[in-house]
């Protein structure tokens, strides 16, 4: 799967003003619901919060990969958000997070879910990509950085 197949301009937000883990997950859930009529914001938020309770999805280097499975979803959806300032997200390196690459996957998709997470993690391990995302001033800039 190509990362371009799961990201879109309407699910990408740049420099969101936020100051807590809970609030960023609410913002991400709202973006998902606003742009996908089959998705309920409360269901998305519950899925993301439930996953975070198992352990933080903050992978270090100011990056988090929140993810959750949703019933009734027929495809993988990504929501990409940068925050300003970076927020405490209980990341593995104890550093604040400012890049949130969220994946919502169909409930029954287990193997595909792991492959997609690996693809995204690989993309975000590229220092030039991460720098470009952090320099982004618009959603278009974020999409361009991920190409």
C-alpha atoms as a PDB file:
ATOM      1  CA  UNK A   1       0.000   0.000   0.000  1.00  0.00           C
ATOM      2  CA  UNK A   2       1.173   3.483  -0.861  1.00  0.00           C
ATOM      3  CA  UNK A   3       0.913   6.104   1.858  1.00  0.00           C
ATOM      4  CA  UNK A   4      -0.749   8.456  -0.648  1.00  0.00           C
ATOM      5  CA  UNK A   5      -3.705   6.060  -0.816  1.00  0.00           C
ATOM      6  CA  UNK A   6      -4.642   6.701   2.822  1.00  0.00           C
ATOM      7  CA  UNK A   7      -3.891  10.408   3.356  1.00  0.00           C
ATOM      8  CA  UNK A   8      -5.996  13.274   2.048  1.00  0.00           C
ATOM      9  CA  UNK A   9      -6.024  17.035   2.294  1.00  0.00           C
ATOM     10  CA  UNK A  10      -9.350  17.118   4.165  1.00  0.00           C
ATOM     11  CA  UNK A  11      -7.953  14.856   6.894  1.00  0.00           C
ATOM     12  CA  UNK A  12      -4.746  16.834   7.383  1.00  0.00           C
ATOM     13  CA  UNK A  13      -4.360  19.806   9.732  1.00  0.00           C
ATOM     14  CA  UNK A  14      -1.317  21.925  10.380  1.00  0.00           C
ATOM     15  CA  UNK A  15      -0.272  23.705  13.615  1.00  0.00           C
ATOM     16  CA  UNK A  16      -3.363  22.825  15.644  1.00  0.00           C
ATOM     17  CA  UNK A  17      -3.450  24.677  18.954  1.00  0.00           C
ATOM     18  CA  UNK A  18      -3.620  22.039  21.656  1.00  0.00           C
ATOM     19  CA  UNK A  19      -2.278  21.387  25.129  1.00  0.00           C
ATOM     20  CA  UNK A  20      -3.226  17.838  26.137  1.00  0.00           C
ATOM     21  CA  UNK A  21      -3.276  14.250  24.968  1.00  0.00           C
ATOM     22  CA  UNK A  22      -7.038  14.015  25.452  1.00  0.00           C
ATOM     23  CA  UNK A  23      -7.684  17.178  23.448  1.00  0.00           C
ATOM     24  CA  UNK A  24      -5.519  16.136  20.482  1.00  0.00           C
ATOM     25  CA  UNK A  25      -7.363  12.804  20.336  1.00  0.00           C
ATOM     26  CA  UNK A  26     -10.682  14.714  20.379  1.00  0.00           C
ATOM     27  CA  UNK A  27      -9.476  16.930  17.524  1.00  0.00           C
ATOM     28  CA  UNK A  28      -8.325  13.913  15.500  1.00  0.00           C
ATOM     29  CA  UNK A  29     -11.657  12.151  16.118  1.00  0.00           C
ATOM     30  CA  UNK A  30     -13.523  15.259  14.985  1.00  0.00           C
ATOM     31  CA  UNK A  31     -11.523  15.488  11.763  1.00  0.00           C
ATOM     32  CA  UNK A  32     -12.236  11.809  11.048  1.00  0.00           C
ATOM     33  CA  UNK A  33     -15.987  12.208  11.631  1.00  0.00           C
ATOM     34  CA  UNK A  34     -16.282  15.507   9.745  1.00  0.00           C
ATOM     35  CA  UNK A  35     -14.834  13.999   6.583  1.00  0.00           C
ATOM     36  CA  UNK A  36     -16.296  10.492   6.681  1.00  0.00           C
ATOM     37  CA  UNK A  37     -20.070  10.251   7.170  1.00  0.00           C
ATOM     38  CA  UNK A  38     -19.858   6.570   8.134  1.00  0.00           C
ATOM     39  CA  UNK A  39     -17.670   7.420  11.134  1.00  0.00           C
ATOM     40  CA  UNK A  40     -18.977   8.544  14.525  1.00  0.00           C
ATOM     41  CA  UNK A  41     -16.681  10.888  16.472  1.00  0.00           C
ATOM     42  CA  UNK A  42     -17.383   9.242  19.840  1.00  0.00           C
ATOM     43  CA  UNK A  43     -16.609   5.791  18.410  1.00  0.00           C
ATOM     44  CA  UNK A  44     -13.292   7.016  17.001  1.00  0.00           C
ATOM     45  CA  UNK A  45     -12.355   8.728  20.258  1.00  0.00           C
ATOM     46  CA  UNK A  46     -13.236   5.633  22.275  1.00  0.00           C
ATOM     47  CA  UNK A  47     -11.135   3.436  19.984  1.00  0.00           C
ATOM     48  CA  UNK A  48      -8.110   5.751  20.200  1.00  0.00           C
ATOM     49  CA  UNK A  49      -8.368   6.222  23.978  1.00  0.00           C
ATOM     50  CA  UNK A  50      -8.778   2.473  24.509  1.00  0.00           C
ATOM     51  CA  UNK A  51      -5.604   1.850  22.489  1.00  0.00           C
ATOM     52  CA  UNK A  52      -3.681   4.526  24.416  1.00  0.00           C
ATOM     53  CA  UNK A  53      -4.634   2.868  27.715  1.00  0.00           C
ATOM     54  CA  UNK A  54      -2.730  -0.235  26.554  1.00  0.00           C
ATOM     55  CA  UNK A  55       0.382   1.898  26.127  1.00  0.00           C
ATOM     56  CA  UNK A  56       1.290   5.165  24.506  1.00  0.00           C
ATOM     57  CA  UNK A  57       1.548   5.271  20.730  1.00  0.00           C
ATOM     58  CA  UNK A  58       4.202   7.989  21.073  1.00  0.00           C
ATOM     59  CA  UNK A  59       7.096   6.352  19.229  1.00  0.00           C
ATOM     60  CA  UNK A  60       9.686   8.999  20.056  1.00  0.00           C
ATOM     61  CA  UNK A  61      11.287  11.857  18.169  1.00  0.00           C
ATOM     62  CA  UNK A  62       8.149  13.981  18.625  1.00  0.00           C
ATOM     63  CA  UNK A  63       5.972  11.505  16.699  1.00  0.00           C
ATOM     64  CA  UNK A  64       2.882   9.540  17.715  1.00  0.00           C
ATOM     65  CA  UNK A  65       0.970   6.901  15.739  1.00  0.00           C
ATOM     66  CA  UNK A  66      -2.451   6.738  17.384  1.00  0.00           C
ATOM     67  CA  UNK A  67      -4.529   3.981  15.836  1.00  0.00           C
ATOM     68  CA  UNK A  68      -7.748   2.129  16.294  1.00  0.00           C
ATOM     69  CA  UNK A  69     -10.081  -0.387  14.713  1.00  0.00           C
ATOM     70  CA  UNK A  70     -13.585   0.672  13.759  1.00  0.00           C
ATOM     71  CA  UNK A  71     -16.616  -1.475  13.011  1.00  0.00           C
ATOM     72  CA  UNK A  72     -18.212  -0.764   9.647  1.00  0.00           C
ATOM     73  CA  UNK A  73     -15.138   0.880   8.150  1.00  0.00           C
ATOM     74  CA  UNK A  74     -14.321  -0.491   4.696  1.00  0.00           C
ATOM     75  CA  UNK A  75     -10.858   1.015   4.169  1.00  0.00           C
ATOM     76  CA  UNK A  76      -7.861   2.382   6.044  1.00  0.00           C
ATOM     77  CA  UNK A  77      -8.106   6.096   6.803  1.00  0.00           C
ATOM     78  CA  UNK A  78      -5.270   8.334   7.955  1.00  0.00           C
ATOM     79  CA  UNK A  79      -5.540  11.631   9.808  1.00  0.00           C
ATOM     80  CA  UNK A  80      -2.341  13.669   9.968  1.00  0.00           C
ATOM     81  CA  UNK A  81      -2.119  16.547  12.437  1.00  0.00           C
ATOM     82  CA  UNK A  82       0.725  18.699  13.677  1.00  0.00           C
ATOM     83  CA  UNK A  83       0.335  20.567  16.950  1.00  0.00           C
ATOM     84  CA  UNK A  84       1.690  23.826  18.182  1.00  0.00           C
ATOM     85  CA  UNK A  85       3.176  23.577  20.689  1.00  0.00           C
ATOM     86  CA  UNK A  86       4.305  19.970  21.078  1.00  0.00           C
ATOM     87  CA  UNK A  87       2.375  18.230  23.868  1.00  0.00           C
ATOM     88  CA  UNK A  88       3.089  15.605  26.491  1.00  0.00           C
ATOM     89  CA  UNK A  89       1.919  12.282  25.027  1.00  0.00           C
ATOM     90  CA  UNK A  90       3.732   9.798  27.273  1.00  0.00           C
ATOM     91  CA  UNK A  91       6.074   8.942  24.391  1.00  0.00           C
ATOM     92  CA  UNK A  92       8.687   6.239  24.873  1.00  0.00           C
ATOM     93  CA  UNK A  93      11.476   8.847  24.929  1.00  0.00           C
ATOM     94  CA  UNK A  94       9.505  11.140  27.310  1.00  0.00           C
ATOM     95  CA  UNK A  95       9.697  13.958  24.741  1.00  0.00           C
ATOM     96  CA  UNK A  96       6.669  16.032  23.724  1.00  0.00           C
ATOM     97  CA  UNK A  97       4.908  15.153  20.464  1.00  0.00           C
ATOM     98  CA  UNK A  98       4.012  17.495  17.608  1.00  0.00           C
ATOM     99  CA  UNK A  99       3.364  15.046  14.735  1.00  0.00           C
ATOM    100  CA  UNK A 100       0.326  12.773  14.994  1.00  0.00           C
ATOM    101  CA  UNK A 101      -0.212  10.249  12.210  1.00  0.00           C
ATOM    102  CA  UNK A 102      -3.448   8.467  13.085  1.00  0.00           C
ATOM    103  CA  UNK A 103      -4.670   5.289  11.417  1.00  0.00           C
ATOM    104  CA  UNK A 104      -8.230   4.041  11.532  1.00  0.00           C
ATOM    105  CA  UNK A 105      -8.647   0.545  10.157  1.00  0.00           C
ATOM    106  CA  UNK A 106     -11.553  -1.838   9.601  1.00  0.00           C
ATOM    107  CA  UNK A 107     -12.234  -3.865  12.740  1.00  0.00           C
ATOM    108  CA  UNK A 108     -11.491  -7.226  11.120  1.00  0.00           C
ATOM    109  CA  UNK A 109      -8.219  -6.125   9.494  1.00  0.00           C
ATOM    110  CA  UNK A 110      -5.381  -7.382  11.676  1.00  0.00           C
ATOM    111  CA  UNK A 111      -2.513  -8.234   9.343  1.00  0.00           C
ATOM    112  CA  UNK A 112      -3.177  -5.250   7.088  1.00  0.00           C
ATOM    113  CA  UNK A 113      -3.254  -2.997  10.141  1.00  0.00           C
ATOM    114  CA  UNK A 114       0.239  -4.071  11.180  1.00  0.00           C
ATOM    115  CA  UNK A 115       1.604  -3.685   7.647  1.00  0.00           C
ATOM    116  CA  UNK A 116       0.147  -0.185   7.375  1.00  0.00           C
ATOM    117  CA  UNK A 117       1.626   0.804  10.750  1.00  0.00           C
ATOM    118  CA  UNK A 118       5.014  -0.486   9.595  1.00  0.00           C
ATOM    119  CA  UNK A 119       4.732   1.488   6.341  1.00  0.00           C
ATOM    120  CA  UNK A 120       3.914   4.724   8.186  1.00  0.00           C
ATOM    121  CA  UNK A 121       6.615   4.169  10.819  1.00  0.00           C
ATOM    122  CA  UNK A 122       9.124   3.579   8.031  1.00  0.00           C
ATOM    123  CA  UNK A 123       8.097   6.784   6.271  1.00  0.00           C
ATOM    124  CA  UNK A 124       8.376   8.758   9.514  1.00  0.00           C
ATOM    125  CA  UNK A 125      11.814   7.334  10.261  1.00  0.00           C
ATOM    126  CA  UNK A 126      13.115   9.435   7.351  1.00  0.00           C
ATOM    127  CA  UNK A 127      14.603  12.556   8.946  1.00  0.00           C
ATOM    128  CA  UNK A 128      14.039  14.685   5.847  1.00  0.00           C
ATOM    129  CA  UNK A 129      10.342  13.760   5.763  1.00  0.00           C
ATOM    130  CA  UNK A 130       9.934  14.625   9.440  1.00  0.00           C
ATOM    131  CA  UNK A 131      11.763  17.949   9.008  1.00  0.00           C
ATOM    132  CA  UNK A 132       9.524  18.821   6.060  1.00  0.00           C
ATOM    133  CA  UNK A 133       6.395  18.010   8.083  1.00  0.00           C
ATOM    134  CA  UNK A 134       7.612  20.210  10.933  1.00  0.00           C
ATOM    135  CA  UNK A 135       8.322  23.077   8.513  1.00  0.00           C
ATOM    136  CA  UNK A 136       4.841  22.765   6.999  1.00  0.00           C
ATOM    137  CA  UNK A 137       2.604  25.827   7.158  1.00  0.00           C
ATOM    138  CA  UNK A 138      -0.366  24.280   5.380  1.00  0.00           C
ATOM    139  CA  UNK A 139      -2.040  20.906   4.953  1.00  0.00           C
ATOM    140  CA  UNK A 140      -0.745  20.905   1.366  1.00  0.00           C
ATOM    141  CA  UNK A 141       2.804  21.159   2.724  1.00  0.00           C
ATOM    142  CA  UNK A 142       2.233  18.092   4.920  1.00  0.00           C
ATOM    143  CA  UNK A 143       0.858  16.054   1.998  1.00  0.00           C
ATOM    144  CA  UNK A 144       3.842  17.114  -0.134  1.00  0.00           C
ATOM    145  CA  UNK A 145       6.269  16.096   2.629  1.00  0.00           C
ATOM    146  CA  UNK A 146       4.724  12.618   2.737  1.00  0.00           C
ATOM    147  CA  UNK A 147       5.151  12.015  -1.020  1.00  0.00           C
END
